[in-house]
Amino acid sequence: MLAMPKMLISVGELIDESWEIYRSRFVELMTISGWLILTAILYAIALAFYPAASKLQLEAGLSGVENFGVILFSITTFVITPIVSFWIYTSVTRAIGMHISEKRVDPKKAMQEGKAVFLPTLFTTLMVLLMILLAIVIGFAPPVVLATIGSLVRFSPLIILANILLIIGVFVALFLTIKWSVTYLLSPLFTILDGVKGKAALEGSRRLIEGRFFAVLARVAVPKLVFLIFGAAAMYLISYVVAIIIDASAGLSLDIQLRVGTMLQTIVPILIAAFVNPLVLISDVLLLRSLQK
């Protein structure tokens, strides 16, 4: 007799199993995800030397130390943070794959493997982003083209038609963006875990989700919502306590209070992300493996 296919993992099972893996592999996962703290340290250094807001408003000349703060902040934001975050993403996913495959989870090996699949995964991710961009173009390109032509030839009915199509295009773009975001969500995981790259990864994700869109949407959205609420609550609690401490420090100058407040507003979300991101990735990997079964 043919074996019956397993039922797709439920939302409750996803949350419970994600937490169990997170709890049992906390040290290994934090050994990797904790590297995100490096960006928090760089932000702290940059903001310590960053010019005061009042000086920026006056457009006064910046000192060498202040220029260093501005440059370090920009480099950290646009170069270091994206690279480190994506490397952590590929490495944590590899570590989760080791656990689910019942292999010994070695953080050092996972980071080496994460580095090896960095560029292929980046390529696959860019292809997914292009698909989402295409969804937006499909929705908005026709009314924009018609409106442009109508303006050039001064033909009012064409402009009116363009406005009608624009309203329709908003809904079309929103529908396609949500549909393709879910349909191709698992594509990068195919590249990281199974070595499937580019177009083949997108096609693999589409095949798995085809016919089960709403079931997958619920299993993608609900666990992430639960984990993000948990992270947001922790961030709010920490920020609230710190704000009380800063407000109680009456001896600090206004500039120092603002600087410390800005540091915390920048650093606390990074620290929370370091703890929450592995949970989100675990649920995605569990969903992928369940779909494959």
Protein backbone atom coordinates (compact mmCIF):
# COMPACT_ATOMS: atom_id res chain seq x y z
CA MET A 1 0.00 0.00 0.00
CA LEU A 2 1.10 3.55 -0.71
CA ALA A 3 2.01 5.62 2.36
CA MET A 4 -0.43 8.40 3.09
CA PRO A 5 1.13 11.89 2.96
CA LYS A 6 1.55 13.54 6.34
CA MET A 7 -0.74 16.36 7.36
CA LEU A 8 0.71 19.85 7.09
CA ILE A 9 2.05 21.06 10.43
CA SER A 10 -0.54 23.15 12.29
CA VAL A 11 -0.06 26.73 13.48
CA GLY A 12 -0.01 25.60 17.11
CA GLU A 13 2.56 22.90 16.37
CA LEU A 14 4.71 25.44 14.53
CA ILE A 15 4.76 27.76 17.54
CA ASP A 16 5.32 24.96 20.07
CA GLU A 17 8.03 23.16 18.09
CA SER A 18 9.76 26.44 17.22
CA TRP A 19 9.93 27.34 20.90
CA GLU A 20 11.15 23.86 21.85
CA ILE A 21 13.99 23.97 19.31
CA TYR A 22 14.81 27.54 20.33
CA ARG A 23 14.94 26.55 24.00
CA SER A 24 16.99 23.40 23.46
CA ARG A 25 19.44 25.07 21.03
CA PHE A 26 19.49 28.51 22.62
CA VAL A 27 23.25 28.62 23.23
CA GLU A 28 24.18 27.49 19.71
CA LEU A 29 21.68 29.85 18.08
CA MET A 30 22.76 32.83 20.19
CA THR A 31 26.40 32.08 19.41
CA ILE A 32 25.51 32.93 15.81
CA SER A 33 22.69 35.45 16.18
CA GLY A 34 24.64 37.28 18.89
CA TRP A 35 27.00 38.63 16.23
CA LEU A 36 24.27 41.15 15.53
CA ILE A 37 25.42 42.85 18.73
CA LEU A 38 28.52 43.90 16.76
CA THR A 39 26.36 46.35 14.84
CA ALA A 40 24.89 47.64 18.11
CA ILE A 41 28.41 48.34 19.40
CA LEU A 42 29.31 50.18 16.20
CA TYR A 43 26.13 52.25 16.44
CA ALA A 44 26.95 53.11 20.07
CA ILE A 45 30.43 54.30 19.08
CA ALA A 46 29.09 56.28 16.11
CA LEU A 47 26.37 57.96 18.17
CA ALA A 48 28.85 58.81 20.93
CA PHE A 49 30.73 61.01 18.45
CA TYR A 50 27.69 62.05 16.38
CA PRO A 51 27.12 65.83 16.25
CA ALA A 52 24.34 67.28 18.38
CA ALA A 53 20.99 67.84 16.64
CA SER A 54 21.21 71.57 17.34
CA LYS A 55 24.51 71.76 15.50
CA LEU A 56 23.10 69.95 12.47
CA GLN A 57 20.12 72.31 12.34
CA LEU A 58 22.47 75.31 12.33
CA GLU A 59 24.50 73.63 9.53
CA ALA A 60 27.65 74.49 11.45
CA GLY A 61 30.98 72.99 10.46
CA LEU A 62 31.68 69.56 11.96
CA SER A 63 34.86 68.63 13.79
CA GLY A 64 36.98 65.64 12.78
CA VAL A 65 35.52 63.51 15.58
CA GLU A 66 31.96 64.43 14.59
CA ASN A 67 32.68 63.59 10.94
CA PHE A 68 33.98 60.23 12.16
CA GLY A 69 30.66 59.63 13.96
CA VAL A 70 28.62 60.52 10.87
CA ILE A 71 30.75 58.34 8.56
CA LEU A 72 30.77 55.37 10.95
CA PHE A 73 26.99 55.61 11.38
CA SER A 74 26.48 55.65 7.59
CA ILE A 75 28.87 52.73 6.96
CA THR A 76 27.26 50.70 9.74
CA THR A 77 23.76 51.40 8.41
CA PHE A 78 24.32 50.83 4.70
CA VAL A 79 27.21 48.33 4.59
CA ILE A 80 28.03 46.48 7.80
CA THR A 81 24.51 45.87 9.15
CA PRO A 82 23.07 44.44 5.88
CA ILE A 83 26.08 42.14 5.39
CA VAL A 84 26.22 40.90 8.99
CA SER A 85 22.44 40.48 9.19
CA PHE A 86 22.29 38.44 5.98
CA TRP A 87 25.24 36.28 7.05
CA ILE A 88 23.51 35.61 10.37
CA TYR A 89 20.34 34.73 8.44
CA THR A 90 22.10 32.11 6.29
CA SER A 91 24.14 30.77 9.23
CA VAL A 92 21.24 30.45 11.69
CA THR A 93 19.20 28.73 8.99
CA ARG A 94 22.03 26.25 8.42
CA ALA A 95 22.20 25.59 12.17
CA ILE A 96 18.45 24.96 12.30
CA GLY A 97 18.81 22.61 9.33
CA MET A 98 21.48 20.67 11.24
CA HIS A 99 19.14 20.24 14.19
CA ILE A 100 16.16 19.12 12.10
CA SER A 101 18.42 16.66 10.24
CA GLU A 102 19.44 15.31 13.68
CA LYS A 103 23.04 16.37 13.22
CA ARG A 104 25.27 17.96 15.85
CA VAL A 105 24.74 21.73 15.76
CA ASP A 106 28.18 23.32 15.36
CA PRO A 107 27.94 27.15 15.30
CA LYS A 108 31.38 27.53 13.73
CA LYS A 109 30.56 25.10 10.94
CA ALA A 110 27.13 26.70 10.45
CA MET A 111 28.75 30.13 10.01
CA GLN A 112 31.25 28.72 7.51
CA GLU A 113 28.43 27.11 5.54
CA GLY A 114 26.39 30.29 5.86
CA LYS A 115 29.27 32.21 4.33
CA ALA A 116 29.50 29.67 1.47
CA VAL A 117 25.83 30.11 0.52
CA PHE A 118 25.81 33.87 1.14
CA LEU A 119 26.03 34.98 -2.51
CA PRO A 120 23.74 32.28 -3.98
CA THR A 121 21.12 33.10 -1.34
CA LEU A 122 21.52 36.80 -2.01
CA PHE A 123 20.92 36.16 -5.71
CA THR A 124 17.78 34.12 -4.97
CA THR A 125 16.53 36.81 -2.56
CA LEU A 126 17.05 39.50 -5.19
CA MET A 127 15.01 37.44 -7.64
CA VAL A 128 12.18 37.27 -5.08
CA LEU A 129 12.38 41.05 -4.60
CA LEU A 130 12.23 41.50 -8.38
CA MET A 131 9.05 39.43 -8.48
CA ILE A 132 7.51 41.68 -5.83
CA LEU A 133 8.68 44.74 -7.76
CA LEU A 134 7.09 43.26 -10.88
CA ALA A 135 3.79 42.95 -8.98
CA ILE A 136 3.93 46.68 -8.21
CA VAL A 137 4.82 47.53 -11.82
CA ILE A 138 1.92 45.44 -13.16
CA GLY A 139 -0.48 47.37 -10.95
CA PHE A 140 0.81 50.89 -11.54
CA ALA A 141 2.49 50.91 -14.98
CA PRO A 142 -0.66 50.97 -17.18
CA PRO A 143 -2.31 54.00 -15.48
CA VAL A 144 1.01 55.86 -15.38
CA VAL A 145 1.59 55.27 -19.10
CA LEU A 146 -1.98 56.31 -19.98
CA ALA A 147 -1.78 59.41 -17.78
CA THR A 148 1.52 60.41 -19.41
CA ILE A 149 0.13 59.97 -22.92
CA GLY A 150 -3.07 61.83 -21.98
CA SER A 151 -1.04 64.76 -20.63
CA LEU A 152 1.17 64.91 -23.71
CA VAL A 153 -1.72 64.88 -26.20
CA ARG A 154 -3.99 66.89 -23.85
CA PHE A 155 -6.78 64.29 -24.12
CA SER A 156 -8.89 64.45 -20.92
CA PRO A 157 -10.83 61.16 -21.36
CA LEU A 158 -7.52 59.28 -21.39
CA ILE A 159 -6.49 60.95 -18.12
CA ILE A 160 -9.85 60.03 -16.56
CA LEU A 161 -9.39 56.42 -17.70
CA ALA A 162 -5.90 56.46 -16.20
CA ASN A 163 -7.30 57.58 -12.83
CA ILE A 164 -9.85 54.75 -12.89
CA LEU A 165 -7.13 52.25 -13.77
CA LEU A 166 -4.99 53.66 -10.94
CA ILE A 167 -7.65 52.74 -8.39
CA ILE A 168 -7.89 49.25 -9.85
CA GLY A 169 -4.10 49.06 -10.05
CA VAL A 170 -3.73 49.68 -6.30
CA PHE A 171 -5.76 46.56 -5.55
CA VAL A 172 -4.02 44.53 -8.28
CA ALA A 173 -0.57 45.50 -6.96
CA LEU A 174 -1.59 44.71 -3.38
CA PHE A 175 -3.06 41.35 -4.35
CA LEU A 176 -0.05 40.28 -6.43
CA THR A 177 2.43 41.55 -3.84
CA ILE A 178 0.84 39.46 -1.08
CA LYS A 179 0.38 36.43 -3.35
CA TRP A 180 3.93 36.40 -4.71
CA SER A 181 5.50 37.29 -1.35
CA VAL A 182 3.97 34.14 0.13
CA THR A 183 4.46 32.01 -2.99
CA TYR A 184 8.20 32.70 -3.18
CA LEU A 185 8.86 33.16 0.55
CA LEU A 186 10.63 29.82 0.93
CA SER A 187 12.90 30.28 -2.09
CA PRO A 188 15.97 31.51 -0.12
CA LEU A 189 15.58 28.57 2.28
CA PHE A 190 15.82 26.19 -0.69
CA THR A 191 19.16 27.78 -1.56
CA ILE A 192 20.49 27.71 2.01
CA LEU A 193 19.35 24.20 2.98
CA ASP A 194 19.10 22.27 -0.29
CA GLY A 195 21.52 24.11 -2.59
CA VAL A 196 18.77 24.95 -5.10
CA LYS A 197 19.55 28.34 -6.65
CA GLY A 198 17.88 31.17 -8.52
CA LYS A 199 14.92 30.36 -10.75
CA ALA A 200 14.86 26.72 -9.62
CA ALA A 201 14.49 27.84 -6.00
CA LEU A 202 11.57 30.12 -6.90
CA GLU A 203 9.93 27.32 -8.86
CA GLY A 204 10.43 24.90 -5.95
CA SER A 205 8.77 27.30 -3.53
CA ARG A 206 5.89 27.90 -5.95
CA ARG A 207 5.27 24.16 -6.40
CA LEU A 208 5.17 23.51 -2.66
CA ILE A 209 2.73 26.33 -1.94
CA GLU A 210 0.53 25.95 -5.03
CA GLY A 211 -2.97 24.93 -3.97
CA ARG A 212 -2.23 25.59 -0.29
CA PHE A 213 -1.85 29.38 -0.35
CA PHE A 214 -4.14 30.27 2.56
CA ALA A 215 -2.92 27.36 4.68
CA VAL A 216 0.67 28.52 4.17
CA LEU A 217 -0.26 32.19 4.69
CA ALA A 218 -1.71 31.38 8.11
CA ARG A 219 1.37 29.34 9.06
CA VAL A 220 3.66 32.14 7.90
CA ALA A 221 1.80 35.05 9.46
CA VAL A 222 0.55 33.78 12.83
CA PRO A 223 3.83 32.46 14.31
CA LYS A 224 5.68 35.58 13.16
CA LEU A 225 2.98 37.77 14.70
CA VAL A 226 3.24 35.89 18.01
CA PHE A 227 7.05 36.13 18.08
CA LEU A 228 7.07 39.79 17.05
CA ILE A 229 4.52 40.67 19.75
CA PHE A 230 6.78 38.94 22.25
CA GLY A 231 9.77 40.94 20.97
CA ALA A 232 7.83 44.21 20.90
CA ALA A 233 6.64 43.69 24.48
CA ALA A 234 10.21 43.05 25.63
CA MET A 235 11.46 46.13 23.76
CA TYR A 236 8.73 48.31 25.25
CA LEU A 237 9.50 47.09 28.76
CA ILE A 238 13.24 47.70 28.40
CA SER A 239 12.72 51.11 26.79
CA TYR A 240 10.26 52.10 29.52
CA VAL A 241 12.66 51.18 32.32
CA VAL A 242 15.57 52.96 30.65
CA ALA A 243 13.46 56.07 29.98
CA ILE A 244 12.64 56.26 33.69
CA ILE A 245 16.34 56.02 34.55
CA ILE A 246 17.26 58.74 32.05
CA ASP A 247 14.49 61.05 33.25
CA ALA A 248 15.62 60.52 36.82
CA SER A 249 19.16 61.60 35.89
CA ALA A 250 18.50 65.29 36.40
CA GLY A 251 22.21 66.04 36.58
CA LEU A 252 22.75 65.10 32.92
CA SER A 253 22.69 67.85 30.32
CA LEU A 254 19.89 67.85 27.75
CA ASP A 255 22.34 66.98 24.97
CA ILE A 256 23.63 63.92 26.84
CA GLN A 257 20.10 62.79 27.66
CA LEU A 258 19.10 63.07 24.00
CA ARG A 259 22.26 61.27 22.90
CA VAL A 260 21.76 58.40 25.36
CA GLY A 261 18.07 58.19 24.39
CA THR A 262 18.96 57.97 20.70
CA MET A 263 21.52 55.25 21.44
CA LEU A 264 18.96 53.17 23.28
CA GLN A 265 16.31 53.66 20.57
CA THR A 266 18.83 52.35 18.06
CA ILE A 267 20.48 49.59 20.08
CA VAL A 268 17.55 48.01 21.97
CA PRO A 269 15.70 46.88 18.77
CA ILE A 270 18.94 45.28 17.54
CA LEU A 271 19.35 43.33 20.78
CA ILE A 272 15.72 42.19 20.67
CA ALA A 273 16.12 41.15 17.01
CA ALA A 274 19.14 39.01 17.95
CA PHE A 275 16.90 37.01 20.29
CA VAL A 276 13.71 36.90 18.19
CA ASN A 277 15.08 36.28 14.67
CA PRO A 278 16.03 32.62 15.32
CA LEU A 279 12.46 31.88 16.42
CA VAL A 280 11.10 33.30 13.16
CA LEU A 281 13.59 31.32 11.08
CA ILE A 282 12.87 28.08 12.95
CA SER A 283 9.16 28.34 12.10
CA ASP A 284 9.96 28.95 8.42
CA VAL A 285 12.31 25.94 8.22
CA LEU A 286 9.79 23.71 10.00
CA LEU A 287 7.11 24.83 7.54
CA LEU A 288 9.38 24.14 4.57
CA ARG A 289 10.19 20.60 5.77
CA SER A 290 6.53 19.91 6.51
CA LEU A 291 5.52 21.04 3.01
CA GLN A 292 8.22 18.83 1.49
CA LYS A 293 6.75 15.81 3.27
